[in-house]
C-alpha atoms as a PDB file:
ATOM      1  CA  MET A   1      33.232 -21.794  15.661  1.00  0.00           C
ATOM      2  CA  LYS A   2      29.505 -21.266  16.281  1.00  0.00           C
ATOM      3  CA  LYS A   3      28.291 -17.744  15.575  1.00  0.00           C
ATOM      4  CA  ARG A   4      24.993 -15.949  16.066  1.00  0.00           C
ATOM      5  CA  ILE A   5      24.115 -14.523  12.656  1.00  0.00           C
ATOM      6  CA  VAL A   6      21.419 -12.209  11.344  1.00  0.00           C
ATOM      7  CA  VAL A   7      20.910 -12.502   7.579  1.00  0.00           C
ATOM      8  CA  ALA A   8      19.263  -9.744   5.526  1.00  0.00           C
ATOM      9  CA  LEU A   9      17.860 -11.158   2.293  1.00  0.00           C
ATOM     10  CA  GLY A  10      17.688  -8.891  -0.751  1.00  0.00           C
ATOM     11  CA  GLY A  11      15.067  -8.943  -3.500  1.00  0.00           C
ATOM     12  CA  ASN A  12      17.053 -11.419  -5.627  1.00  0.00           C
ATOM     13  CA  ALA A  13      16.480 -13.997  -2.880  1.00  0.00           C
ATOM     14  CA  LEU A  14      12.684 -13.728  -3.137  1.00  0.00           C
ATOM     15  CA  GLY A  15      11.692 -13.051  -6.759  1.00  0.00           C
ATOM     16  CA  GLY A  16       9.284 -10.435  -8.065  1.00  0.00           C
ATOM     17  CA  ASN A  17       5.946 -12.295  -8.022  1.00  0.00           C
ATOM     18  CA  LEU A  18       4.398 -15.450  -6.558  1.00  0.00           C
ATOM     19  CA  PRO A  19       5.737 -18.007  -9.104  1.00  0.00           C
ATOM     20  CA  GLU A  20       9.204 -16.417  -9.038  1.00  0.00           C
ATOM     21  CA  GLN A  21       9.155 -16.374  -5.241  1.00  0.00           C
ATOM     22  CA  MET A  22       8.336 -20.069  -4.987  1.00  0.00           C
ATOM     23  CA  GLU A  23      11.369 -20.857  -7.169  1.00  0.00           C
ATOM     24  CA  ALA A  24      13.688 -18.302  -5.568  1.00  0.00           C
ATOM     25  CA  VAL A  25      13.138 -19.531  -2.010  1.00  0.00           C
ATOM     26  CA  LYS A  26      14.463 -22.978  -3.014  1.00  0.00           C
ATOM     27  CA  THR A  27      17.904 -21.484  -3.654  1.00  0.00           C
ATOM     28  CA  THR A  28      17.580 -19.158  -0.662  1.00  0.00           C
ATOM     29  CA  ALA A  29      16.727 -22.051   1.664  1.00  0.00           C
ATOM     30  CA  LYS A  30      19.818 -23.987   0.549  1.00  0.00           C
ATOM     31  CA  ALA A  31      22.127 -21.037   1.262  1.00  0.00           C
ATOM     32  CA  ILE A  32      20.634 -20.490   4.724  1.00  0.00           C
ATOM     33  CA  ALA A  33      20.667 -24.223   5.480  1.00  0.00           C
ATOM     34  CA  ASP A  34      24.397 -24.263   4.672  1.00  0.00           C
ATOM     35  CA  LEU A  35      24.983 -21.798   7.512  1.00  0.00           C
ATOM     36  CA  ILE A  36      22.787 -23.766   9.917  1.00  0.00           C
ATOM     37  CA  GLU A  37      24.437 -27.055   8.963  1.00  0.00           C
ATOM     38  CA  ALA A  38      27.808 -25.448   9.746  1.00  0.00           C
ATOM     39  CA  GLY A  39      26.556 -24.974  13.311  1.00  0.00           C
ATOM     40  CA  HIS A  40      25.559 -21.314  13.335  1.00  0.00           C
ATOM     41  CA  GLU A  41      22.434 -19.743  14.880  1.00  0.00           C
ATOM     42  CA  VAL A  42      20.588 -17.932  12.092  1.00  0.00           C
ATOM     43  CA  THR A  43      17.859 -15.296  12.215  1.00  0.00           C
ATOM     44  CA  ILE A  44      16.472 -13.936   8.945  1.00  0.00           C
ATOM     45  CA  ALA A  45      15.190 -10.542   7.841  1.00  0.00           C
ATOM     46  CA  HIS A  46      14.054  -9.824   4.282  1.00  0.00           C
ATOM     47  CA  GLY A  47      12.863  -7.133   1.913  1.00  0.00           C
ATOM     48  CA  ASN A  48       9.397  -6.889   0.377  1.00  0.00           C
ATOM     49  CA  GLY A  49       9.623  -4.262  -2.394  1.00  0.00           C
ATOM     50  CA  PRO A  50       7.949  -6.143  -5.267  1.00  0.00           C
ATOM     51  CA  GLN A  51       5.547  -7.943  -2.951  1.00  0.00           C
ATOM     52  CA  VAL A  52       4.206  -4.916  -1.077  1.00  0.00           C
ATOM     53  CA  GLY A  53       3.951  -3.077  -4.399  1.00  0.00           C
ATOM     54  CA  MET A  54       1.814  -5.902  -5.781  1.00  0.00           C
ATOM     55  CA  ILE A  55      -0.449  -5.753  -2.704  1.00  0.00           C
ATOM     56  CA  GLN A  56      -0.750  -1.962  -2.998  1.00  0.00           C
ATOM     57  CA  ASN A  57      -1.651  -2.254  -6.688  1.00  0.00           C
ATOM     58  CA  ALA A  58      -4.356  -4.829  -5.946  1.00  0.00           C
ATOM     59  CA  MET A  59      -5.774  -2.665  -3.167  1.00  0.00           C
ATOM     60  CA  MET A  60      -5.754   0.374  -5.424  1.00  0.00           C
ATOM     61  CA  GLU A  61      -7.746  -1.461  -8.112  1.00  0.00           C
ATOM     62  CA  LEU A  62     -10.372  -2.523  -5.554  1.00  0.00           C
ATOM     63  CA  THR A  63     -10.591   1.036  -4.240  1.00  0.00           C
ATOM     64  CA  ARG A  64     -11.002   2.445  -7.739  1.00  0.00           C
ATOM     65  CA  SER A  65     -13.830   0.019  -8.508  1.00  0.00           C
ATOM     66  CA  ASN A  66     -15.749   0.484  -5.244  1.00  0.00           C
ATOM     67  CA  PRO A  67     -14.208   2.992  -2.805  1.00  0.00           C
ATOM     68  CA  GLU A  68     -17.033   2.712  -0.273  1.00  0.00           C
ATOM     69  CA  LYS A  69     -16.842  -1.068  -0.019  1.00  0.00           C
ATOM     70  CA  TYR A  70     -13.057  -1.340  -0.409  1.00  0.00           C
ATOM     71  CA  PRO A  71     -11.296   1.592   1.279  1.00  0.00           C
ATOM     72  CA  LEU A  72      -7.557   1.734   0.621  1.00  0.00           C
ATOM     73  CA  ALA A  73      -5.682  -0.386   3.183  1.00  0.00           C
ATOM     74  CA  PRO A  74      -3.035   1.420   5.242  1.00  0.00           C
ATOM     75  CA  LEU A  75       0.551   0.768   4.160  1.00  0.00           C
ATOM     76  CA  SER A  76       1.279  -0.823   7.544  1.00  0.00           C
ATOM     77  CA  VAL A  77      -1.415  -3.444   6.823  1.00  0.00           C
ATOM     78  CA  CYS A  78       0.068  -4.106   3.365  1.00  0.00           C
ATOM     79  CA  THR A  79       3.464  -4.680   4.970  1.00  0.00           C
ATOM     80  CA  ALA A  80       1.880  -7.144   7.407  1.00  0.00           C
ATOM     81  CA  MET A  81       0.308  -9.008   4.465  1.00  0.00           C
ATOM     82  CA  SER A  82       3.672  -9.208   2.696  1.00  0.00           C
ATOM     83  CA  GLN A  83       5.362 -10.528   5.848  1.00  0.00           C
ATOM     84  CA  GLY A  84       2.777 -13.279   6.021  1.00  0.00           C
ATOM     85  CA  TYR A  85       2.987 -14.657   2.516  1.00  0.00           C
ATOM     86  CA  ILE A  86       6.764 -14.266   2.115  1.00  0.00           C
ATOM     87  CA  GLY A  87       7.316 -15.871   5.506  1.00  0.00           C
ATOM     88  CA  TYR A  88       4.950 -18.713   4.639  1.00  0.00           C
ATOM     89  CA  ASP A  89       6.950 -19.689   1.551  1.00  0.00           C
ATOM     90  CA  LEU A  90      10.332 -19.164   3.190  1.00  0.00           C
ATOM     91  CA  GLN A  91       9.676 -21.061   6.410  1.00  0.00           C
ATOM     92  CA  ASN A  92       8.103 -24.022   4.600  1.00  0.00           C
ATOM     93  CA  ARG A  93      10.956 -24.373   2.133  1.00  0.00           C
ATOM     94  CA  LEU A  94      13.654 -23.902   4.775  1.00  0.00           C
ATOM     95  CA  ARG A  95      12.011 -26.449   7.073  1.00  0.00           C
ATOM     96  CA  GLU A  96      11.919 -28.943   4.196  1.00  0.00           C
ATOM     97  CA  GLU A  97      15.561 -28.280   3.268  1.00  0.00           C
ATOM     98  CA  LEU A  98      16.709 -28.788   6.866  1.00  0.00           C
ATOM     99  CA  LEU A  99      14.727 -32.027   7.271  1.00  0.00           C
ATOM    100  CA  ASP A 100      16.170 -33.307   3.980  1.00  0.00           C
ATOM    101  CA  ARG A 101      19.605 -32.823   5.560  1.00  0.00           C
ATOM    102  CA  GLY A 102      18.599 -34.609   8.758  1.00  0.00           C
ATOM    103  CA  ILE A 103      18.353 -31.387  10.780  1.00  0.00           C
ATOM    104  CA  ASN A 104      15.202 -31.267  12.929  1.00  0.00           C
ATOM    105  CA  LYS A 105      15.055 -27.604  13.867  1.00  0.00           C
ATOM    106  CA  GLY A 106      11.960 -25.429  14.216  1.00  0.00           C
ATOM    107  CA  VAL A 107      11.474 -22.555  11.751  1.00  0.00           C
ATOM    108  CA  ALA A 108       8.989 -19.780  12.509  1.00  0.00           C
ATOM    109  CA  MET A 109       7.935 -16.523  10.887  1.00  0.00           C
ATOM    110  CA  LEU A 110       7.061 -13.817  13.382  1.00  0.00           C
ATOM    111  CA  LEU A 111       4.867 -10.883  12.420  1.00  0.00           C
ATOM    112  CA  THR A 112       7.072  -8.002  13.505  1.00  0.00           C
ATOM    113  CA  GLN A 113       6.382  -4.362  14.351  1.00  0.00           C
ATOM    114  CA  VAL A 114       9.261  -1.903  14.322  1.00  0.00           C
ATOM    115  CA  GLU A 115       8.985   1.384  16.163  1.00  0.00           C
ATOM    116  CA  VAL A 116       9.983   4.561  14.347  1.00  0.00           C
ATOM    117  CA  ASP A 117      10.228   8.112  15.638  1.00  0.00           C
ATOM    118  CA  PRO A 118       7.332  10.299  14.417  1.00  0.00           C
ATOM    119  CA  LYS A 119       9.798  13.211  14.515  1.00  0.00           C
ATOM    120  CA  ASP A 120      12.265  11.441  12.208  1.00  0.00           C
ATOM    121  CA  PRO A 121      13.278  13.985   9.511  1.00  0.00           C
ATOM    122  CA  ALA A 122      12.314  11.428   6.854  1.00  0.00           C
ATOM    123  CA  PHE A 123       8.634  12.213   7.495  1.00  0.00           C
ATOM    124  CA  GLU A 124       9.259  15.807   6.420  1.00  0.00           C
ATOM    125  CA  ASN A 125      10.677  14.670   3.075  1.00  0.00           C
ATOM    126  CA  PRO A 126       9.061  11.440   1.765  1.00  0.00           C
ATOM    127  CA  THR A 127      11.267   9.979  -0.966  1.00  0.00           C
ATOM    128  CA  LYS A 128      10.198   6.332  -1.394  1.00  0.00           C
ATOM    129  CA  PRO A 129       7.820   5.724  -4.354  1.00  0.00           C
ATOM    130  CA  ILE A 130       5.414   2.813  -3.858  1.00  0.00           C
ATOM    131  CA  GLY A 131       2.448   1.195  -5.556  1.00  0.00           C
ATOM    132  CA  ALA A 132       0.812   1.688  -8.927  1.00  0.00           C
ATOM    133  CA  PHE A 133       1.518   4.353 -11.501  1.00  0.00           C
ATOM    134  CA  MET A 134      -1.243   6.934 -11.826  1.00  0.00           C
ATOM    135  CA  SER A 135      -2.231   9.751 -14.111  1.00  0.00           C
ATOM    136  CA  LYS A 136      -1.596  13.302 -12.951  1.00  0.00           C
ATOM    137  CA  GLU A 137      -5.325  13.721 -12.297  1.00  0.00           C
ATOM    138  CA  GLU A 138      -5.505  10.578 -10.117  1.00  0.00           C
ATOM    139  CA  ALA A 139      -2.402  11.632  -8.196  1.00  0.00           C
ATOM    140  CA  GLU A 140      -3.745  15.120  -7.567  1.00  0.00           C
ATOM    141  CA  HIS A 141      -7.061  13.645  -6.374  1.00  0.00           C
ATOM    142  CA  LEU A 142      -5.299  11.374  -3.853  1.00  0.00           C
ATOM    143  CA  ALA A 143      -3.122  14.246  -2.697  1.00  0.00           C
ATOM    144  CA  ALA A 144      -6.203  16.392  -2.112  1.00  0.00           C
ATOM    145  CA  THR A 145      -8.527  13.767  -0.590  1.00  0.00           C
ATOM    146  CA  ARG A 146      -6.077  11.591   1.356  1.00  0.00           C
ATOM    147  CA  ASN A 147      -3.223  14.003   1.991  1.00  0.00           C
ATOM    148  CA  PHE A 148      -0.824  11.698   0.128  1.00  0.00           C
ATOM    149  CA  THR A 149       2.540  12.903  -1.103  1.00  0.00           C
ATOM    150  CA  VAL A 150       2.834  12.096  -4.824  1.00  0.00           C
ATOM    151  CA  MET A 151       5.704  12.358  -7.265  1.00  0.00           C
ATOM    152  CA  GLU A 152       6.373  11.987 -10.970  1.00  0.00           C
ATOM    153  CA  ASP A 153       8.533   8.890 -11.429  1.00  0.00           C
ATOM    154  CA  ALA A 154      11.026   8.932 -14.319  1.00  0.00           C
ATOM    155  CA  GLY A 155       8.459   9.884 -16.952  1.00  0.00           C
ATOM    156  CA  ARG A 156       6.381   6.769 -16.326  1.00  0.00           C
ATOM    157  CA  GLY A 157       3.559   8.431 -14.423  1.00  0.00           C
ATOM    158  CA  TYR A 158       2.829   9.510 -10.876  1.00  0.00           C
ATOM    159  CA  ARG A 159       3.186   7.410  -7.722  1.00  0.00           C
ATOM    160  CA  ARG A 160       2.532   7.757  -4.057  1.00  0.00           C
ATOM    161  CA  CYS A 161       5.653   8.654  -2.094  1.00  0.00           C
ATOM    162  CA  VAL A 162       6.260   7.764   1.576  1.00  0.00           C
ATOM    163  CA  ALA A 163       8.928   8.301   4.202  1.00  0.00           C
ATOM    164  CA  SER A 164      11.713   5.833   5.019  1.00  0.00           C
ATOM    165  CA  PRO A 165      12.549   6.482   8.691  1.00  0.00           C
ATOM    166  CA  LYS A 166      15.240   4.686  10.668  1.00  0.00           C
ATOM    167  CA  PRO A 167      14.176   1.914  13.072  1.00  0.00           C
ATOM    168  CA  VAL A 168      14.208   2.786  16.779  1.00  0.00           C
ATOM    169  CA  SER A 169      13.341  -0.568  18.337  1.00  0.00           C
ATOM    170  CA  ILE A 170      11.723  -3.907  17.536  1.00  0.00           C
ATOM    171  CA  VAL A 171       8.477  -4.403  19.438  1.00  0.00           C
ATOM    172  CA  GLU A 172       8.595  -8.218  19.475  1.00  0.00           C
ATOM    173  CA  ILE A 173      12.342  -8.497  20.192  1.00  0.00           C
ATOM    174  CA  ASP A 174      11.853 -10.402  23.475  1.00  0.00           C
ATOM    175  CA  THR A 175       9.861 -13.075  21.646  1.00  0.00           C
ATOM    176  CA  ILE A 176      12.437 -13.245  18.850  1.00  0.00           C
ATOM    177  CA  ARG A 177      15.241 -13.575  21.411  1.00  0.00           C
ATOM    178  CA  ALA A 178      13.408 -16.344  23.288  1.00  0.00           C
ATOM    179  CA  LEU A 179      13.012 -18.351  20.094  1.00  0.00           C
ATOM    180  CA  VAL A 180      16.655 -17.826  19.091  1.00  0.00           C
ATOM    181  CA  ASP A 181      17.832 -18.817  22.583  1.00  0.00           C
ATOM    182  CA  ALA A 182      15.699 -21.969  22.204  1.00  0.00           C
ATOM    183  CA  ASP A 183      17.709 -22.808  19.039  1.00  0.00           C
ATOM    184  CA  LYS A 184      14.911 -22.019  16.583  1.00  0.00           C
ATOM    185  CA  VAL A 185      15.328 -20.340  13.199  1.00  0.00           C
ATOM    186  CA  VAL A 186      13.330 -17.101  13.162  1.00  0.00           C
ATOM    187  CA  ILE A 187      12.130 -15.053  10.184  1.00  0.00           C
ATOM    188  CA  ALA A 188      11.379 -11.537  11.448  1.00  0.00           C
ATOM    189  CA  CYS A 189      11.379  -7.855  10.471  1.00  0.00           C
ATOM    190  CA  GLY A 190      10.069  -8.739   7.015  1.00  0.00           C
ATOM    191  CA  GLY A 191      10.073  -5.749   4.685  1.00  0.00           C
ATOM    192  CA  GLY A 192      11.922  -3.805   7.361  1.00  0.00           C
ATOM    193  CA  GLY A 193       9.099  -4.477   9.801  1.00  0.00           C
ATOM    194  CA  ILE A 194       5.620  -3.002  10.143  1.00  0.00           C
ATOM    195  CA  PRO A 195       6.374   0.656  10.971  1.00  0.00           C
ATOM    196  CA  VAL A 196       4.591   1.863  14.087  1.00  0.00           C
ATOM    197  CA  THR A 197       4.731   4.888  16.376  1.00  0.00           C
ATOM    198  CA  LYS A 198       3.698   5.206  20.018  1.00  0.00           C
ATOM    199  CA  ASP A 199       0.340   6.945  20.210  1.00  0.00           C
ATOM    200  CA  GLY A 200      -0.095   7.592  23.905  1.00  0.00           C
ATOM    201  CA  GLY A 201       0.071   4.929  26.591  1.00  0.00           C
ATOM    202  CA  ASN A 202       0.607   1.445  25.186  1.00  0.00           C
ATOM    203  CA  HIS A 203      -1.117   2.007  21.846  1.00  0.00           C
ATOM    204  CA  LEU A 204       0.935   1.519  18.678  1.00  0.00           C
ATOM    205  CA  LYS A 205      -0.198   3.249  15.502  1.00  0.00           C
ATOM    206  CA  GLY A 206       0.765   2.122  12.005  1.00  0.00           C
ATOM    207  CA  ALA A 207       2.854   4.656  10.096  1.00  0.00           C
ATOM    208  CA  ALA A 208       2.627   5.427   6.369  1.00  0.00           C
ATOM    209  CA  ALA A 209       6.260   4.561   5.817  1.00  0.00           C
ATOM    210  CA  VAL A 210       8.677   1.849   4.756  1.00  0.00           C
ATOM    211  CA  ILE A 211      11.760   0.894   6.758  1.00  0.00           C
ATOM    212  CA  ASP A 212      14.893  -0.182   4.925  1.00  0.00           C
ATOM    213  CA  LYS A 213      15.335  -3.886   5.621  1.00  0.00           C
ATOM    214  CA  ASP A 214      19.112  -3.564   6.048  1.00  0.00           C
ATOM    215  CA  PHE A 215      18.715  -1.051   8.881  1.00  0.00           C
ATOM    216  CA  ALA A 216      15.987  -3.199  10.464  1.00  0.00           C
ATOM    217  CA  ALA A 217      18.265  -6.252  10.241  1.00  0.00           C
ATOM    218  CA  GLU A 218      21.077  -4.242  11.841  1.00  0.00           C
ATOM    219  CA  CYS A 219      18.770  -3.151  14.664  1.00  0.00           C
ATOM    220  CA  MET A 220      17.746  -6.770  15.249  1.00  0.00           C
ATOM    221  CA  ALA A 221      21.366  -7.974  15.123  1.00  0.00           C
ATOM    222  CA  GLU A 222      22.355  -5.508  17.851  1.00  0.00           C
ATOM    223  CA  ALA A 223      19.364  -6.435  20.011  1.00  0.00           C
ATOM    224  CA  LEU A 224      20.152 -10.164  19.695  1.00  0.00           C
ATOM    225  CA  ASP A 225      23.847  -9.554  20.476  1.00  0.00           C
ATOM    226  CA  ALA A 226      24.754 -11.245  17.188  1.00  0.00           C
ATOM    227  CA  ASP A 227      28.332 -11.857  16.084  1.00  0.00           C
ATOM    228  CA  PHE A 228      27.699 -11.362  12.383  1.00  0.00           C
ATOM    229  CA  LEU A 229      25.352  -9.339  10.197  1.00  0.00           C
ATOM    230  CA  ILE A 230      25.219 -10.737   6.664  1.00  0.00           C
ATOM    231  CA  ILE A 231      23.646  -8.549   3.986  1.00  0.00           C
ATOM    232  CA  LEU A 232      22.991 -10.608   0.869  1.00  0.00           C
ATOM    233  CA  THR A 233      22.709  -8.769  -2.418  1.00  0.00           C
ATOM    234  CA  ALA A 234      23.317  -9.110  -6.174  1.00  0.00           C
ATOM    235  CA  VAL A 235      27.120  -8.689  -6.126  1.00  0.00           C
ATOM    236  CA  GLU A 236      29.886 -10.756  -4.532  1.00  0.00           C
ATOM    237  CA  LYS A 237      31.745  -7.743  -3.132  1.00  0.00           C
ATOM    238  CA  VAL A 238      31.336  -4.005  -2.655  1.00  0.00           C
ATOM    239  CA  ALA A 239      33.113  -1.883  -5.280  1.00  0.00           C
ATOM    240  CA  ILE A 240      34.355   1.666  -5.555  1.00  0.00           C
ATOM    241  CA  ASN A 241      34.366   3.393  -8.948  1.00  0.00           C
ATOM    242  CA  PHE A 242      31.621   0.918  -9.837  1.00  0.00           C
ATOM    243  CA  GLY A 243      31.173   0.404 -13.583  1.00  0.00           C
ATOM    244  CA  LYS A 244      34.242   2.469 -14.462  1.00  0.00           C
ATOM    245  CA  GLU A 245      37.619   1.473 -15.896  1.00  0.00           C
ATOM    246  CA  ASN A 246      39.238   1.843 -12.471  1.00  0.00           C
ATOM    247  CA  GLU A 247      36.584  -0.234 -10.684  1.00  0.00           C
ATOM    248  CA  GLU A 248      37.960  -1.832  -7.514  1.00  0.00           C
ATOM    249  CA  TRP A 249      36.365  -4.648  -5.532  1.00  0.00           C
ATOM    250  CA  LEU A 250      36.876  -4.426  -1.766  1.00  0.00           C
ATOM    251  CA  SER A 251      37.467  -7.393   0.537  1.00  0.00           C
ATOM    252  CA  ASP A 252      38.096  -5.831   3.958  1.00  0.00           C
ATOM    253  CA  LEU A 253      37.082  -2.455   5.340  1.00  0.00           C
ATOM    254  CA  THR A 254      37.166  -0.740   8.687  1.00  0.00           C
ATOM    255  CA  PRO A 255      34.116   1.354   9.613  1.00  0.00           C
ATOM    256  CA  GLU A 256      36.278   4.460   9.132  1.00  0.00           C
ATOM    257  CA  GLU A 257      37.230   3.432   5.598  1.00  0.00           C
ATOM    258  CA  ALA A 258      33.610   2.588   4.794  1.00  0.00           C
ATOM    259  CA  LYS A 259      32.463   6.000   6.031  1.00  0.00           C
ATOM    260  CA  LYS A 260      35.084   7.721   3.877  1.00  0.00           C
ATOM    261  CA  TYR A 261      33.738   5.991   0.780  1.00  0.00           C
ATOM    262  CA  CYS A 262      30.134   6.787   1.780  1.00  0.00           C
ATOM    263  CA  ASP A 263      30.982  10.462   2.243  1.00  0.00           C
ATOM    264  CA  ALA A 264      32.720  10.485  -1.146  1.00  0.00           C
ATOM    265  CA  GLY A 265      29.511   9.315  -2.860  1.00  0.00           C
ATOM    266  CA  GLU A 266      30.913   5.942  -3.952  1.00  0.00           C
ATOM    267  CA  PHE A 267      27.701   4.048  -3.215  1.00  0.00           C
ATOM    268  CA  ALA A 268      24.290   4.662  -4.780  1.00  0.00           C
ATOM    269  CA  PRO A 269      21.465   5.801  -2.455  1.00  0.00           C
ATOM    270  CA  GLY A 270      18.676   3.256  -2.329  1.00  0.00           C
ATOM    271  CA  SER A 271      21.073   0.536  -3.503  1.00  0.00           C
ATOM    272  CA  MET A 272      24.506  -0.133  -2.009  1.00  0.00           C
ATOM    273  CA  LEU A 273      24.648   2.897   0.326  1.00  0.00           C
ATOM    274  CA  PRO A 274      22.147   1.667   2.959  1.00  0.00           C
ATOM    275  CA  LYS A 275      23.813  -1.752   2.935  1.00  0.00           C
ATOM    276  CA  VAL A 276      27.230  -0.284   3.662  1.00  0.00           C
ATOM    277  CA  GLU A 277      25.804   2.139   6.254  1.00  0.00           C
ATOM    278  CA  ALA A 278      23.970  -0.671   8.075  1.00  0.00           C
ATOM    279  CA  ALA A 279      27.042  -2.926   7.936  1.00  0.00           C
ATOM    280  CA  MET A 280      29.230  -0.110   9.230  1.00  0.00           C
ATOM    281  CA  LYS A 281      26.824   0.675  12.100  1.00  0.00           C
ATOM    282  CA  PHE A 282      26.785  -2.940  13.275  1.00  0.00           C
ATOM    283  CA  ALA A 283      30.575  -3.295  13.116  1.00  0.00           C
ATOM    284  CA  GLU A 284      30.927  -0.142  15.233  1.00  0.00           C
ATOM    285  CA  SER A 285      28.314  -1.156  17.793  1.00  0.00           C
ATOM    286  CA  LYS A 286      30.470  -3.547  19.850  1.00  0.00           C
ATOM    287  CA  GLU A 287      33.962  -4.974  19.847  1.00  0.00           C
ATOM    288  CA  GLY A 288      34.213  -8.267  17.951  1.00  0.00           C
ATOM    289  CA  ARG A 289      31.178  -7.732  15.718  1.00  0.00           C
ATOM    290  CA  SER A 290      31.561  -8.092  11.949  1.00  0.00           C
ATOM    291  CA  SER A 291      29.410  -7.405   8.905  1.00  0.00           C
ATOM    292  CA  LEU A 292      29.534  -9.134   5.548  1.00  0.00           C
ATOM    293  CA  ILE A 293      28.107  -8.040   2.191  1.00  0.00           C
ATOM    294  CA  THR A 294      28.060 -10.694  -0.513  1.00  0.00           C
ATOM    295  CA  LEU A 295      26.012 -12.873  -2.868  1.00  0.00           C
ATOM    296  CA  LEU A 296      23.331 -15.199  -1.517  1.00  0.00           C
ATOM    297  CA  GLU A 297      25.126 -18.323  -2.709  1.00  0.00           C
ATOM    298  CA  LYS A 298      28.451 -17.119  -1.240  1.00  0.00           C
ATOM    299  CA  ALA A 299      27.231 -16.596   2.337  1.00  0.00           C
ATOM    300  CA  LYS A 300      28.955 -19.668   3.810  1.00  0.00           C
ATOM    301  CA  GLU A 301      32.238 -18.887   2.019  1.00  0.00           C
ATOM    302  CA  GLY A 302      31.987 -15.300   3.209  1.00  0.00           C
ATOM    303  CA  ILE A 303      31.661 -16.345   6.851  1.00  0.00           C
ATOM    304  CA  GLU A 304      34.788 -18.438   6.333  1.00  0.00           C
ATOM    305  CA  GLY A 305      36.636 -15.355   5.065  1.00  0.00           C
ATOM    306  CA  LYS A 306      36.970 -16.612   1.487  1.00  0.00           C
ATOM    307  CA  THR A 307      34.924 -13.930  -0.298  1.00  0.00           C
ATOM    308  CA  GLY A 308      32.613 -10.957   0.124  1.00  0.00           C
ATOM    309  CA  THR A 309      33.288  -7.577   1.724  1.00  0.00           C
ATOM    310  CA  THR A 310      33.846  -7.752   5.479  1.00  0.00           C
ATOM    311  CA  ILE A 311      33.517  -4.622   7.626  1.00  0.00           C
ATOM    312  CA  LYS A 312      34.983  -4.797  11.126  1.00  0.00           C
ATOM    313  CA  LYS A 313      37.100  -2.748  13.498  1.00  0.00           C
END
């Protein structure tokens, strides 16, 4: 039965640098093409952690060498850059994979802005380290001259730290919906989207923040009235007591059961927790909606109910 699906790709689907990415998207394209070949409508969101970090590092080096000529690019611009080059590789490889299977379907990457609330509590407590490691002196200089929040990161040096607010709405959602309704495959909300806030009238201002790609994918899935949200990660199923002798892999959860495990601290913040929270939110949003968390290569089997962790009412 045909389903409208939003897929959130994790870092393992994209690699950590350009050569790794070019290899990784070959496998990623096959897994997504399997879903399309089975007759489903597929829209894709993805992360950008290693990629935006690489861009930030390159920008920082240019700024260090000649700050007047190369001012540090805003984080929103770096996210836009990462959307472009990840989307370029992904759409080309997916188009090729579909044509190799005799499927002539358009694939397009859409530069996507995602609105966040400037009053989101996350802005009061930035927790997301990004970019290059710095000495204490460099970090203190940036904090003083650019009003950056900096933090010491696990004894490895100092890094800039930014907020991770929740998405409010997707600015280009009407365009995304039009393409999906026209039976195109859309890559959108890359890296969680370019975070923007309303700055009076119709002006949108880039925010120094990163949006979790799972929450952005969930927001897009609701807006597209999708049937399924698939969050692809490095494990086949969600586990409780992870890594312990009494580890238990979970196949089916209700949102209430998922919340109980979240509240009990079963899932690591910044890792499995946002995935489960996003999956839970989508499953609760409307009757008949389901979320799936599984491995990239198991996506098709998961939709068929053969593996993965499904969250639904």
